[in-house]
Amino acid sequence: MKKALISIISMVSVGLPVLTLAATFNPGYVTSLITGGIIITRNLVIFLVSLSVVWFIWNVIKYSMSDDEGGKEKAKSQMINGIIAIAVTVSIWGLVYLLQGMFISGSNGQAPPGLNNMIPLSV
């Protein structure tokens, strides 16, 4: 019984990749997967930045409203964690745009579209 089970598992593990290779390769599918991953990552990063900013503001309020030193210290450490979370998520955002510029044609190394409106052209 063990030998039969091992031989069936071996045949399936060898046969499935062969069947998969028989399918036609569609490069448009890979591009759509990459584009979908970028869209999901962008939305996730925007959500995480928003969540980090709300967390930071909430802890600033807790810090200013707290009367005891223990509560102030806890809120202070949580504010630092919020700043770190904002920095990490913004750096992930930049990394996504960097990778997009390197691997997907059409971006031409330009700044992300949202940054074009936020950065003033003249002071």
PDB file of N, CA and C in Angstrom:
ATOM      1  N   MET A   1       0.811  -1.188   0.000  1.00  0.00           N
ATOM      2  CA  MET A   1       0.000   0.000   0.000  1.00  0.00           C
ATOM      3  C   MET A   1       0.859   1.258   0.000  1.00  0.00           C
ATOM      4  N   LYS A   2       1.941   1.240   0.792  1.00  0.00           N
ATOM      5  CA  LYS A   2       2.824   2.393   0.853  1.00  0.00           C
ATOM      6  C   LYS A   2       3.486   2.648  -0.491  1.00  0.00           C
ATOM      7  N   LYS A   3       3.901   1.562  -1.154  1.00  0.00           N
ATOM      8  CA  LYS A   3       4.569   1.721  -2.447  1.00  0.00           C
ATOM      9  C   LYS A   3       3.607   2.303  -3.485  1.00  0.00           C
ATOM     10  N   ALA A   4       2.368   1.885  -3.455  1.00  0.00           N
ATOM     11  CA  ALA A   4       1.382   2.406  -4.405  1.00  0.00           C
ATOM     12  C   ALA A   4       1.133   3.889  -4.153  1.00  0.00           C
ATOM     13  N   LEU A   5       1.032   4.282  -2.899  1.00  0.00           N
ATOM     14  CA  LEU A   5       0.805   5.674  -2.558  1.00  0.00           C
ATOM     15  C   LEU A   5       1.997   6.539  -2.959  1.00  0.00           C
ATOM     16  N   ILE A   6       3.190   6.044  -2.714  1.00  0.00           N
ATOM     17  CA  ILE A   6       4.397   6.789  -3.090  1.00  0.00           C
ATOM     18  C   ILE A   6       4.485   6.924  -4.608  1.00  0.00           C
ATOM     19  N   SER A   7       4.161   5.873  -5.347  1.00  0.00           N
ATOM     20  CA  SER A   7       4.231   5.963  -6.803  1.00  0.00           C
ATOM     21  C   SER A   7       3.165   6.907  -7.364  1.00  0.00           C
ATOM     22  N   ILE A   8       1.979   6.932  -6.780  1.00  0.00           N
ATOM     23  CA  ILE A   8       0.927   7.846  -7.232  1.00  0.00           C
ATOM     24  C   ILE A   8       1.346   9.294  -6.958  1.00  0.00           C
ATOM     25  N   ILE A   9       1.889   9.564  -5.774  1.00  0.00           N
ATOM     26  CA  ILE A   9       2.340  10.910  -5.435  1.00  0.00           C
ATOM     27  C   ILE A   9       3.473  11.333  -6.360  1.00  0.00           C
ATOM     28  N   SER A  10       4.383  10.424  -6.670  1.00  0.00           N
ATOM     29  CA  SER A  10       5.489  10.740  -7.577  1.00  0.00           C
ATOM     30  C   SER A  10       4.985  11.063  -8.973  1.00  0.00           C
ATOM     31  N   MET A  11       4.032  10.275  -9.475  1.00  0.00           N
ATOM     32  CA  MET A  11       3.498  10.512 -10.822  1.00  0.00           C
ATOM     33  C   MET A  11       2.767  11.848 -10.878  1.00  0.00           C
ATOM     34  N   VAL A  12       2.012  12.162  -9.841  1.00  0.00           N
ATOM     35  CA  VAL A  12       1.272  13.423  -9.826  1.00  0.00           C
ATOM     36  C   VAL A  12       2.237  14.600  -9.741  1.00  0.00           C
ATOM     37  N   SER A  13       3.278  14.489  -8.902  1.00  0.00           N
ATOM     38  CA  SER A  13       4.221  15.602  -8.751  1.00  0.00           C
ATOM     39  C   SER A  13       5.058  15.829 -10.005  1.00  0.00           C
ATOM     40  N   VAL A  14       5.257  14.780 -10.817  1.00  0.00           N
ATOM     41  CA  VAL A  14       5.974  14.932 -12.081  1.00  0.00           C
ATOM     42  C   VAL A  14       5.006  15.329 -13.196  1.00  0.00           C
ATOM     43  N   GLY A  15       3.799  14.813 -13.175  1.00  0.00           N
ATOM     44  CA  GLY A  15       2.852  15.039 -14.263  1.00  0.00           C
ATOM     45  C   GLY A  15       2.212  16.414 -14.263  1.00  0.00           C
ATOM     46  N   LEU A  16       1.958  16.990 -13.106  1.00  0.00           N
ATOM     47  CA  LEU A  16       1.300  18.290 -13.071  1.00  0.00           C
ATOM     48  C   LEU A  16       2.136  19.412 -13.689  1.00  0.00           C
ATOM     49  N   PRO A  17       3.433  19.492 -13.397  1.00  0.00           N
ATOM     50  CA  PRO A  17       4.212  20.534 -14.072  1.00  0.00           C
ATOM     51  C   PRO A  17       4.279  20.334 -15.585  1.00  0.00           C
ATOM     52  N   VAL A  18       4.291  19.095 -16.053  1.00  0.00           N
ATOM     53  CA  VAL A  18       4.310  18.842 -17.495  1.00  0.00           C
ATOM     54  C   VAL A  18       3.014  19.349 -18.117  1.00  0.00           C
ATOM     55  N   LEU A  19       1.886  19.122 -17.470  1.00  0.00           N
ATOM     56  CA  LEU A  19       0.618  19.632 -17.974  1.00  0.00           C
ATOM     57  C   LEU A  19       0.588  21.156 -17.963  1.00  0.00           C
ATOM     58  N   THR A  20       1.193  21.743 -16.968  1.00  0.00           N
ATOM     59  CA  THR A  20       1.224  23.193 -16.881  1.00  0.00           C
ATOM     60  C   THR A  20       2.080  23.788 -17.987  1.00  0.00           C
ATOM     61  N   LEU A  21       3.189  23.142 -18.311  1.00  0.00           N
ATOM     62  CA  LEU A  21       4.047  23.635 -19.377  1.00  0.00           C
ATOM     63  C   LEU A  21       3.391  23.488 -20.740  1.00  0.00           C
ATOM     64  N   ALA A  22       2.411  22.619 -20.860  1.00  0.00           N
ATOM     65  CA  ALA A  22       1.728  22.441 -22.132  1.00  0.00           C
ATOM     66  C   ALA A  22       0.824  23.623 -22.459  1.00  0.00           C
ATOM     67  N   ALA A  23       0.460  24.404 -21.442  1.00  0.00           N
ATOM     68  CA  ALA A  23      -0.391  25.572 -21.671  1.00  0.00           C
ATOM     69  C   ALA A  23       0.406  26.645 -22.401  1.00  0.00           C
ATOM     70  N   THR A  24      -0.279  27.462 -23.169  1.00  0.00           N
ATOM     71  CA  THR A  24       0.398  28.528 -23.901  1.00  0.00           C
ATOM     72  C   THR A  24       0.782  29.640 -22.939  1.00  0.00           C
ATOM     73  N   PHE A  25       1.912  30.244 -23.195  1.00  0.00           N
ATOM     74  CA  PHE A  25       2.414  31.327 -22.351  1.00  0.00           C
ATOM     75  C   PHE A  25       1.869  32.651 -22.870  1.00  0.00           C
ATOM     76  N   ASN A  26       1.282  33.428 -21.981  1.00  0.00           N
ATOM     77  CA  ASN A  26       0.704  34.711 -22.345  1.00  0.00           C
ATOM     78  C   ASN A  26       1.423  35.807 -21.567  1.00  0.00           C
ATOM     79  N   PRO A  27       2.299  36.603 -22.223  1.00  0.00           N
ATOM     80  CA  PRO A  27       3.027  37.643 -21.494  1.00  0.00           C
ATOM     81  C   PRO A  27       2.115  38.729 -20.938  1.00  0.00           C
ATOM     82  N   GLY A  28       0.970  38.943 -21.551  1.00  0.00           N
ATOM     83  CA  GLY A  28       0.026  39.937 -21.042  1.00  0.00           C
ATOM     84  C   GLY A  28      -0.498  39.562 -19.671  1.00  0.00           C
ATOM     85  N   TYR A  29      -0.580  38.265 -19.407  1.00  0.00           N
ATOM     86  CA  TYR A  29      -1.043  37.797 -18.104  1.00  0.00           C
ATOM     87  C   TYR A  29      -0.054  38.174 -17.011  1.00  0.00           C
ATOM     88  N   VAL A  30       1.232  38.029 -17.286  1.00  0.00           N
ATOM     89  CA  VAL A  30       2.258  38.378 -16.306  1.00  0.00           C
ATOM     90  C   VAL A  30       2.218  39.883 -16.030  1.00  0.00           C
ATOM     91  N   THR A  31       2.057  40.674 -17.088  1.00  0.00           N
ATOM     92  CA  THR A  31       1.974  42.124 -16.918  1.00  0.00           C
ATOM     93  C   THR A  31       0.751  42.501 -16.084  1.00  0.00           C
ATOM     94  N   SER A  32      -0.373  41.841 -16.336  1.00  0.00           N
ATOM     95  CA  SER A  32      -1.568  42.149 -15.548  1.00  0.00           C
ATOM     96  C   SER A  32      -1.399  41.726 -14.090  1.00  0.00           C
ATOM     97  N   LEU A  33      -0.673  40.642 -13.841  1.00  0.00           N
ATOM     98  CA  LEU A  33      -0.397  40.241 -12.457  1.00  0.00           C
ATOM     99  C   LEU A  33       0.463  41.276 -11.752  1.00  0.00           C
ATOM    100  N   ILE A  34       1.490  41.764 -12.429  1.00  0.00           N
ATOM    101  CA  ILE A  34       2.373  42.765 -11.828  1.00  0.00           C
ATOM    102  C   ILE A  34       1.604  44.057 -11.573  1.00  0.00           C
ATOM    103  N   THR A  35       0.808  44.485 -12.549  1.00  0.00           N
ATOM    104  CA  THR A  35       0.017  45.704 -12.389  1.00  0.00           C
ATOM    105  C   THR A  35      -0.983  45.558 -11.245  1.00  0.00           C
ATOM    106  N   GLY A  36      -1.629  44.416 -11.148  1.00  0.00           N
ATOM    107  CA  GLY A  36      -2.555  44.174 -10.051  1.00  0.00           C
ATOM    108  C   GLY A  36      -1.864  44.197  -8.704  1.00  0.00           C
ATOM    109  N   GLY A  37      -0.666  43.626  -8.634  1.00  0.00           N
ATOM    110  CA  GLY A  37       0.099  43.651  -7.392  1.00  0.00           C
ATOM    111  C   GLY A  37       0.492  45.059  -6.992  1.00  0.00           C
ATOM    112  N   ILE A  38       0.841  45.874  -7.981  1.00  0.00           N
ATOM    113  CA  ILE A  38       1.207  47.256  -7.692  1.00  0.00           C
ATOM    114  C   ILE A  38      -0.006  48.030  -7.179  1.00  0.00           C
ATOM    115  N   ILE A  39      -1.158  47.824  -7.791  1.00  0.00           N
ATOM    116  CA  ILE A  39      -2.372  48.519  -7.357  1.00  0.00           C
ATOM    117  C   ILE A  39      -2.735  48.121  -5.932  1.00  0.00           C
ATOM    118  N   ILE A  40      -2.658  46.841  -5.632  1.00  0.00           N
ATOM    119  CA  ILE A  40      -2.967  46.370  -4.277  1.00  0.00           C
ATOM    120  C   ILE A  40      -1.974  46.944  -3.274  1.00  0.00           C
ATOM    121  N   THR A  41      -0.687  46.974  -3.639  1.00  0.00           N
ATOM    122  CA  THR A  41       0.334  47.504  -2.737  1.00  0.00           C
ATOM    123  C   THR A  41       0.130  48.995  -2.503  1.00  0.00           C
ATOM    124  N   ARG A  42      -0.194  49.752  -3.571  1.00  0.00           N
ATOM    125  CA  ARG A  42      -0.450  51.183  -3.409  1.00  0.00           C
ATOM    126  C   ARG A  42      -1.603  51.425  -2.436  1.00  0.00           C
ATOM    127  N   ASN A  43      -2.702  50.718  -2.638  1.00  0.00           N
ATOM    128  CA  ASN A  43      -3.857  50.911  -1.769  1.00  0.00           C
ATOM    129  C   ASN A  43      -3.556  50.500  -0.335  1.00  0.00           C
ATOM    130  N   LEU A  44      -2.799  49.436  -0.171  1.00  0.00           N
ATOM    131  CA  LEU A  44      -2.428  48.989   1.168  1.00  0.00           C
ATOM    132  C   LEU A  44      -1.534  50.016   1.857  1.00  0.00           C
ATOM    133  N   VAL A  45      -0.588  50.578   1.118  1.00  0.00           N
ATOM    134  CA  VAL A  45       0.314  51.564   1.709  1.00  0.00           C
ATOM    135  C   VAL A  45      -0.449  52.828   2.086  1.00  0.00           C
ATOM    136  N   ILE A  46      -1.376  53.263   1.234  1.00  0.00           N
ATOM    137  CA  ILE A  46      -2.185  54.441   1.561  1.00  0.00           C
ATOM    138  C   ILE A  46      -2.994  54.183   2.831  1.00  0.00           C
ATOM    139  N   PHE A  47      -3.567  53.002   2.944  1.00  0.00           N
ATOM    140  CA  PHE A  47      -4.311  52.649   4.150  1.00  0.00           C
ATOM    141  C   PHE A  47      -3.408  52.634   5.374  1.00  0.00           C
ATOM    142  N   LEU A  48      -2.212  52.069   5.242  1.00  0.00           N
ATOM    143  CA  LEU A  48      -1.297  51.994   6.387  1.00  0.00           C
ATOM    144  C   LEU A  48      -0.792  53.367   6.804  1.00  0.00           C
ATOM    145  N   VAL A  49      -0.541  54.257   5.832  1.00  0.00           N
ATOM    146  CA  VAL A  49      -0.118  55.615   6.183  1.00  0.00           C
ATOM    147  C   VAL A  49      -1.244  56.321   6.933  1.00  0.00           C
ATOM    148  N   SER A  50      -2.464  56.170   6.436  1.00  0.00           N
ATOM    149  CA  SER A  50      -3.612  56.792   7.110  1.00  0.00           C
ATOM    150  C   SER A  50      -3.772  56.255   8.527  1.00  0.00           C
ATOM    151  N   LEU A  51      -3.657  54.951   8.663  1.00  0.00           N
ATOM    152  CA  LEU A  51      -3.773  54.329   9.975  1.00  0.00           C
ATOM    153  C   LEU A  51      -2.657  54.795  10.916  1.00  0.00           C
ATOM    154  N   SER A  52      -1.442  54.933  10.396  1.00  0.00           N
ATOM    155  CA  SER A  52      -0.319  55.391  11.216  1.00  0.00           C
ATOM    156  C   SER A  52      -0.510  56.827  11.670  1.00  0.00           C
ATOM    157  N   VAL A  53      -1.020  57.680  10.787  1.00  0.00           N
ATOM    158  CA  VAL A  53      -1.246  59.078  11.157  1.00  0.00           C
ATOM    159  C   VAL A  53      -2.340  59.176  12.215  1.00  0.00           C
ATOM    160  N   VAL A  54      -3.409  58.414  12.057  1.00  0.00           N
ATOM    161  CA  VAL A  54      -4.479  58.418  13.066  1.00  0.00           C
ATOM    162  C   VAL A  54      -3.945  57.903  14.394  1.00  0.00           C
ATOM    163  N   TRP A  55      -3.133  56.856  14.359  1.00  0.00           N
ATOM    164  CA  TRP A  55      -2.531  56.300  15.586  1.00  0.00           C
ATOM    165  C   TRP A  55      -1.659  57.343  16.276  1.00  0.00           C
ATOM    166  N   PHE A  56      -0.858  58.066  15.491  1.00  0.00           N
ATOM    167  CA  PHE A  56       0.017  59.093  16.053  1.00  0.00           C
ATOM    168  C   PHE A  56      -0.804  60.211  16.692  1.00  0.00           C
ATOM    169  N   ILE A  57      -1.816  60.697  15.979  1.00  0.00           N
ATOM    170  CA  ILE A  57      -2.645  61.785  16.513  1.00  0.00           C
ATOM    171  C   ILE A  57      -3.389  61.334  17.771  1.00  0.00           C
ATOM    172  N   TRP A  58      -3.889  60.105  17.761  1.00  0.00           N
ATOM    173  CA  TRP A  58      -4.577  59.574  18.944  1.00  0.00           C
ATOM    174  C   TRP A  58      -3.643  59.558  20.150  1.00  0.00           C
ATOM    175  N   ASN A  59      -2.390  59.175  19.946  1.00  0.00           N
ATOM    176  CA  ASN A  59      -1.447  59.128  21.064  1.00  0.00           C
ATOM    177  C   ASN A  59      -0.996  60.521  21.488  1.00  0.00           C
ATOM    178  N   VAL A  60      -0.980  61.490  20.590  1.00  0.00           N
ATOM    179  CA  VAL A  60      -0.705  62.870  20.982  1.00  0.00           C
ATOM    180  C   VAL A  60      -1.817  63.364  21.901  1.00  0.00           C
ATOM    181  N   ILE A  61      -3.054  63.037  21.547  1.00  0.00           N
ATOM    182  CA  ILE A  61      -4.193  63.426  22.392  1.00  0.00           C
ATOM    183  C   ILE A  61      -4.104  62.733  23.749  1.00  0.00           C
ATOM    184  N   LYS A  62      -3.781  61.430  23.744  1.00  0.00           N
ATOM    185  CA  LYS A  62      -3.633  60.704  25.015  1.00  0.00           C
ATOM    186  C   LYS A  62      -2.515  61.300  25.861  1.00  0.00           C
ATOM    187  N   TYR A  63      -1.416  61.698  25.206  1.00  0.00           N
ATOM    188  CA  TYR A  63      -0.283  62.285  25.924  1.00  0.00           C
ATOM    189  C   TYR A  63      -0.675  63.610  26.558  1.00  0.00           C
ATOM    190  N   SER A  64      -1.391  64.434  25.825  1.00  0.00           N
ATOM    191  CA  SER A  64      -1.750  65.752  26.350  1.00  0.00           C
ATOM    192  C   SER A  64      -2.843  65.676  27.416  1.00  0.00           C
ATOM    193  N   MET A  65      -3.681  64.637  27.374  1.00  0.00           N
ATOM    194  CA  MET A  65      -4.769  64.511  28.339  1.00  0.00           C
ATOM    195  C   MET A  65      -4.382  63.717  29.585  1.00  0.00           C
ATOM    196  N   SER A  66      -3.265  63.020  29.548  1.00  0.00           N
ATOM    197  CA  SER A  66      -2.882  62.172  30.666  1.00  0.00           C
ATOM    198  C   SER A  66      -2.336  63.004  31.826  1.00  0.00           C
ATOM    199  N   ASP A  67      -2.706  62.588  33.028  1.00  0.00           N
ATOM    200  CA  ASP A  67      -2.254  63.301  34.220  1.00  0.00           C
ATOM    201  C   ASP A  67      -1.054  62.620  34.881  1.00  0.00           C
ATOM    202  N   ASP A  68      -0.983  61.299  34.819  1.00  0.00           N
ATOM    203  CA  ASP A  68       0.100  60.591  35.483  1.00  0.00           C
ATOM    204  C   ASP A  68       1.277  60.385  34.531  1.00  0.00           C
ATOM    205  N   GLU A  69       2.450  60.190  35.123  1.00  0.00           N
ATOM    206  CA  GLU A  69       3.677  60.039  34.337  1.00  0.00           C
ATOM    207  C   GLU A  69       3.720  58.710  33.579  1.00  0.00           C
ATOM    208  N   GLY A  70       3.123  57.679  34.157  1.00  0.00           N
ATOM    209  CA  GLY A  70       3.118  56.378  33.474  1.00  0.00           C
ATOM    210  C   GLY A  70       2.325  56.435  32.172  1.00  0.00           C
ATOM    211  N   GLY A  71       1.201  57.118  32.205  1.00  0.00           N
ATOM    212  CA  GLY A  71       0.392  57.261  30.997  1.00  0.00           C
ATOM    213  C   GLY A  71       1.090  58.113  29.951  1.00  0.00           C
ATOM    214  N   LYS A  72       1.808  59.164  30.417  1.00  0.00           N
ATOM    215  CA  LYS A  72       2.546  60.020  29.489  1.00  0.00           C
ATOM    216  C   LYS A  72       3.679  59.251  28.819  1.00  0.00           C
ATOM    217  N   GLU A  73       4.386  58.426  29.581  1.00  0.00           N
ATOM    218  CA  GLU A  73       5.487  57.646  29.013  1.00  0.00           C
ATOM    219  C   GLU A  73       4.982  56.622  27.988  1.00  0.00           C
ATOM    220  N   LYS A  74       3.858  55.975  28.327  1.00  0.00           N
ATOM    221  CA  LYS A  74       3.296  54.996  27.401  1.00  0.00           C
ATOM    222  C   LYS A  74       2.843  55.673  26.110  1.00  0.00           C
ATOM    223  N   ALA A  75       2.172  56.822  26.232  1.00  0.00           N
ATOM    224  CA  ALA A  75       1.718  57.542  25.041  1.00  0.00           C
ATOM    225  C   ALA A  75       2.910  58.059  24.238  1.00  0.00           C
ATOM    226  N   LYS A  76       3.973  58.474  24.929  1.00  0.00           N
ATOM    227  CA  LYS A  76       5.172  58.962  24.240  1.00  0.00           C
ATOM    228  C   LYS A  76       5.824  57.848  23.426  1.00  0.00           C
ATOM    229  N   SER A  77       5.931  56.658  24.018  1.00  0.00           N
ATOM    230  CA  SER A  77       6.529  55.539  23.272  1.00  0.00           C
ATOM    231  C   SER A  77       5.645  55.127  22.097  1.00  0.00           C
ATOM    232  N   GLN A  78       4.325  55.222  22.273  1.00  0.00           N
ATOM    233  CA  GLN A  78       3.423  54.901  21.164  1.00  0.00           C
ATOM    234  C   GLN A  78       3.502  55.960  20.055  1.00  0.00           C
ATOM    235  N   MET A  79       3.746  57.216  20.424  1.00  0.00           N
ATOM    236  CA  MET A  79       3.937  58.251  19.405  1.00  0.00           C
ATOM    237  C   MET A  79       5.185  57.979  18.587  1.00  0.00           C
ATOM    238  N   ILE A  80       6.240  57.553  19.257  1.00  0.00           N
ATOM    239  CA  ILE A  80       7.484  57.207  18.549  1.00  0.00           C
ATOM    240  C   ILE A  80       7.231  56.034  17.616  1.00  0.00           C
ATOM    241  N   ASN A  81       6.488  55.034  18.092  1.00  0.00           N
ATOM    242  CA  ASN A  81       6.143  53.905  17.226  1.00  0.00           C
ATOM    243  C   ASN A  81       5.309  54.359  16.033  1.00  0.00           C
ATOM    244  N   GLY A  82       4.428  55.328  16.228  1.00  0.00           N
ATOM    245  CA  GLY A  82       3.629  55.863  15.131  1.00  0.00           C
ATOM    246  C   GLY A  82       4.485  56.565  14.097  1.00  0.00           C
ATOM    247  N   ILE A  83       5.473  57.331  14.545  1.00  0.00           N
ATOM    248  CA  ILE A  83       6.382  58.005  13.618  1.00  0.00           C
ATOM    249  C   ILE A  83       7.195  56.987  12.834  1.00  0.00           C
ATOM    250  N   ILE A  84       7.648  55.946  13.505  1.00  0.00           N
ATOM    251  CA  ILE A  84       8.400  54.886  12.818  1.00  0.00           C
ATOM    252  C   ILE A  84       7.511  54.192  11.793  1.00  0.00           C
ATOM    253  N   ALA A  85       6.252  53.931  12.152  1.00  0.00           N
ATOM    254  CA  ALA A  85       5.327  53.284  11.212  1.00  0.00           C
ATOM    255  C   ALA A  85       5.078  54.161   9.992  1.00  0.00           C
ATOM    256  N   ILE A  86       4.941  55.474  10.197  1.00  0.00           N
ATOM    257  CA  ILE A  86       4.757  56.382   9.065  1.00  0.00           C
ATOM    258  C   ILE A  86       5.989  56.344   8.162  1.00  0.00           C
ATOM    259  N   ALA A  87       7.181  56.396   8.751  1.00  0.00           N
ATOM    260  CA  ALA A  87       8.411  56.386   7.961  1.00  0.00           C
ATOM    261  C   ALA A  87       8.551  55.084   7.172  1.00  0.00           C
ATOM    262  N   VAL A  88       8.224  53.958   7.795  1.00  0.00           N
ATOM    263  CA  VAL A  88       8.349  52.669   7.105  1.00  0.00           C
ATOM    264  C   VAL A  88       7.356  52.570   5.955  1.00  0.00           C
ATOM    265  N   THR A  89       6.120  52.972   6.181  1.00  0.00           N
ATOM    266  CA  THR A  89       5.129  52.838   5.114  1.00  0.00           C
ATOM    267  C   THR A  89       5.404  53.806   3.968  1.00  0.00           C
ATOM    268  N   VAL A  90       5.904  55.005   4.267  1.00  0.00           N
ATOM    269  CA  VAL A  90       6.248  55.930   3.189  1.00  0.00           C
ATOM    270  C   VAL A  90       7.455  55.411   2.406  1.00  0.00           C
ATOM    271  N   SER A  91       8.396  54.772   3.090  1.00  0.00           N
ATOM    272  CA  SER A  91       9.536  54.214   2.364  1.00  0.00           C
ATOM    273  C   SER A  91       9.107  53.032   1.493  1.00  0.00           C
ATOM    274  N   ILE A  92       8.124  52.261   1.927  1.00  0.00           N
ATOM    275  CA  ILE A  92       7.587  51.194   1.085  1.00  0.00           C
ATOM    276  C   ILE A  92       6.916  51.794  -0.139  1.00  0.00           C
ATOM    277  N   TRP A  93       6.214  52.895   0.055  1.00  0.00           N
ATOM    278  CA  TRP A  93       5.570  53.595  -1.042  1.00  0.00           C
ATOM    279  C   TRP A  93       6.616  54.026  -2.084  1.00  0.00           C
ATOM    280  N   GLY A  94       7.717  54.610  -1.609  1.00  0.00           N
ATOM    281  CA  GLY A  94       8.792  55.009  -2.517  1.00  0.00           C
ATOM    282  C   GLY A  94       9.427  53.819  -3.205  1.00  0.00           C
ATOM    283  N   LEU A  95       9.567  52.718  -2.486  1.00  0.00           N
ATOM    284  CA  LEU A  95      10.146  51.514  -3.074  1.00  0.00           C
ATOM    285  C   LEU A  95       9.255  50.957  -4.185  1.00  0.00           C
ATOM    286  N   VAL A  96       7.936  51.010  -3.986  1.00  0.00           N
ATOM    287  CA  VAL A  96       7.015  50.542  -5.027  1.00  0.00           C
ATOM    288  C   VAL A  96       7.177  51.381  -6.290  1.00  0.00           C
ATOM    289  N   TYR A  97       7.268  52.707  -6.145  1.00  0.00           N
ATOM    290  CA  TYR A  97       7.441  53.561  -7.313  1.00  0.00           C
ATOM    291  C   TYR A  97       8.802  53.355  -7.960  1.00  0.00           C
ATOM    292  N   LEU A  98       9.817  53.110  -7.148  1.00  0.00           N
ATOM    293  CA  LEU A  98      11.143  52.839  -7.698  1.00  0.00           C
ATOM    294  C   LEU A  98      11.139  51.553  -8.513  1.00  0.00           C
ATOM    295  N   LEU A  99      10.554  50.503  -7.964  1.00  0.00           N
ATOM    296  CA  LEU A  99      10.485  49.236  -8.691  1.00  0.00           C
ATOM    297  C   LEU A  99       9.614  49.353  -9.928  1.00  0.00           C
ATOM    298  N   GLN A 100       8.555  50.134  -9.839  1.00  0.00           N
ATOM    299  CA  GLN A 100       7.703  50.338 -11.000  1.00  0.00           C
ATOM    300  C   GLN A 100       8.487  51.050 -12.099  1.00  0.00           C
ATOM    301  N   GLY A 101       9.267  52.035 -11.738  1.00  0.00           N
ATOM    302  CA  GLY A 101      10.066  52.747 -12.723  1.00  0.00           C
ATOM    303  C   GLY A 101      11.150  51.877 -13.338  1.00  0.00           C
ATOM    304  N   MET A 102      11.658  50.913 -12.572  1.00  0.00           N
ATOM    305  CA  MET A 102      12.710  50.048 -13.091  1.00  0.00           C
ATOM    306  C   MET A 102      12.180  48.944 -13.986  1.00  0.00           C
ATOM    307  N   PHE A 103      11.033  48.361 -13.627  1.00  0.00           N
ATOM    308  CA  PHE A 103      10.585  47.160 -14.311  1.00  0.00           C
ATOM    309  C   PHE A 103       9.402  47.348 -15.251  1.00  0.00           C
ATOM    310  N   ILE A 104       8.658  48.412 -15.099  1.00  0.00           N
ATOM    311  CA  ILE A 104       7.496  48.614 -15.959  1.00  0.00           C
ATOM    312  C   ILE A 104       7.749  49.854 -16.801  1.00  0.00           C
ATOM    313  N   SER A 105       7.661  49.716 -18.094  1.00  0.00           N
ATOM    314  CA  SER A 105       7.921  50.843 -18.984  1.00  0.00           C
ATOM    315  C   SER A 105       6.789  51.845 -18.903  1.00  0.00           C
ATOM    316  N   GLY A 106       7.098  53.084 -19.233  1.00  0.00           N
ATOM    317  CA  GLY A 106       6.083  54.121 -19.269  1.00  0.00           C
ATOM    318  C   GLY A 106       6.181  55.117 -18.142  1.00  0.00           C
ATOM    319  N   SER A 107       6.909  54.812 -17.069  1.00  0.00           N
ATOM    320  CA  SER A 107       7.003  55.777 -15.979  1.00  0.00           C
ATOM    321  C   SER A 107       8.133  56.773 -16.212  1.00  0.00           C
ATOM    322  N   ASN A 108       9.161  56.391 -16.960  1.00  0.00           N
ATOM    323  CA  ASN A 108      10.279  57.265 -17.352  1.00  0.00           C
ATOM    324  C   ASN A 108      10.964  57.935 -16.162  1.00  0.00           C
ATOM    325  N   GLY A 109      10.943  57.311 -15.025  1.00  0.00           N
ATOM    326  CA  GLY A 109      11.646  57.834 -13.866  1.00  0.00           C
ATOM    327  C   GLY A 109      11.050  59.101 -13.296  1.00  0.00           C
ATOM    328  N   GLN A 110       9.793  59.385 -13.566  1.00  0.00           N
ATOM    329  CA  GLN A 110       9.157  60.589 -13.055  1.00  0.00           C
ATOM    330  C   GLN A 110       8.704  60.371 -11.614  1.00  0.00           C
ATOM    331  N   ALA A 111       8.427  61.489 -10.956  1.00  0.00           N
ATOM    332  CA  ALA A 111       7.912  61.412  -9.594  1.00  0.00           C
ATOM    333  C   ALA A 111       6.521  60.808  -9.611  1.00  0.00           C
ATOM    334  N   PRO A 112       6.098  60.184  -8.524  1.00  0.00           N
ATOM    335  CA  PRO A 112       4.737  59.649  -8.458  1.00  0.00           C
ATOM    336  C   PRO A 112       3.711  60.748  -8.718  1.00  0.00           C
ATOM    337  N   PRO A 113       2.576  60.403  -9.323  1.00  0.00           N
ATOM    338  CA  PRO A 113       1.589  61.418  -9.680  1.00  0.00           C
ATOM    339  C   PRO A 113       1.102  62.251  -8.493  1.00  0.00           C
ATOM    340  N   GLY A 114       0.965  61.646  -7.348  1.00  0.00           N
ATOM    341  CA  GLY A 114       0.507  62.391  -6.187  1.00  0.00           C
ATOM    342  C   GLY A 114       1.517  63.432  -5.722  1.00  0.00           C
ATOM    343  N   LEU A 115       2.805  63.155  -5.915  1.00  0.00           N
ATOM    344  CA  LEU A 115       3.836  64.081  -5.476  1.00  0.00           C
ATOM    345  C   LEU A 115       3.923  65.304  -6.377  1.00  0.00           C
ATOM    346  N   ASN A 116       3.549  65.175  -7.644  1.00  0.00           N
ATOM    347  CA  ASN A 116       3.618  66.309  -8.551  1.00  0.00           C
ATOM    348  C   ASN A 116       2.731  67.440  -8.080  1.00  0.00           C
ATOM    349  N   ASN A 117       1.613  67.130  -7.460  1.00  0.00           N
ATOM    350  CA  ASN A 117       0.703  68.158  -6.987  1.00  0.00           C
ATOM    351  C   ASN A 117       1.079  68.676  -5.604  1.00  0.00           C
ATOM    352  N   MET A 118       1.819  67.904  -4.830  1.00  0.00           N
ATOM    353  CA  MET A 118       2.138  68.302  -3.468  1.00  0.00           C
ATOM    354  C   MET A 118       3.399  69.163  -3.394  1.00  0.00           C
ATOM    355  N   ILE A 119       4.320  69.024  -4.346  1.00  0.00           N
ATOM    356  CA  ILE A 119       5.568  69.747  -4.303  1.00  0.00           C
ATOM    357  C   ILE A 119       5.401  71.074  -5.043  1.00  0.00           C
ATOM    358  N   PRO A 120       5.583  72.201  -4.373  1.00  0.00           N
ATOM    359  CA  PRO A 120       5.428  73.478  -5.077  1.00  0.00           C
ATOM    360  C   PRO A 120       6.572  73.699  -6.062  1.00  0.00           C
ATOM    361  N   LEU A 121       6.253  74.289  -7.213  1.00  0.00           N
ATOM    362  CA  LEU A 121       7.256  74.528  -8.239  1.00  0.00           C
ATOM    363  C   LEU A 121       8.080  75.770  -7.924  1.00  0.00           C
ATOM    364  N   SER A 122       7.490  76.777  -7.327  1.00  0.00           N
ATOM    365  CA  SER A 122       8.229  77.986  -6.976  1.00  0.00           C
ATOM    366  C   SER A 122       7.889  78.386  -5.553  1.00  0.00           C
ATOM    367  N   VAL A 123       8.861  78.966  -4.896  1.00  0.00           N
ATOM    368  CA  VAL A 123       8.673  79.368  -3.502  1.00  0.00           C
ATOM    369  C   VAL A 123       8.512  80.863  -3.422  1.00  0.00           C
TER     370      VAL A 123
END
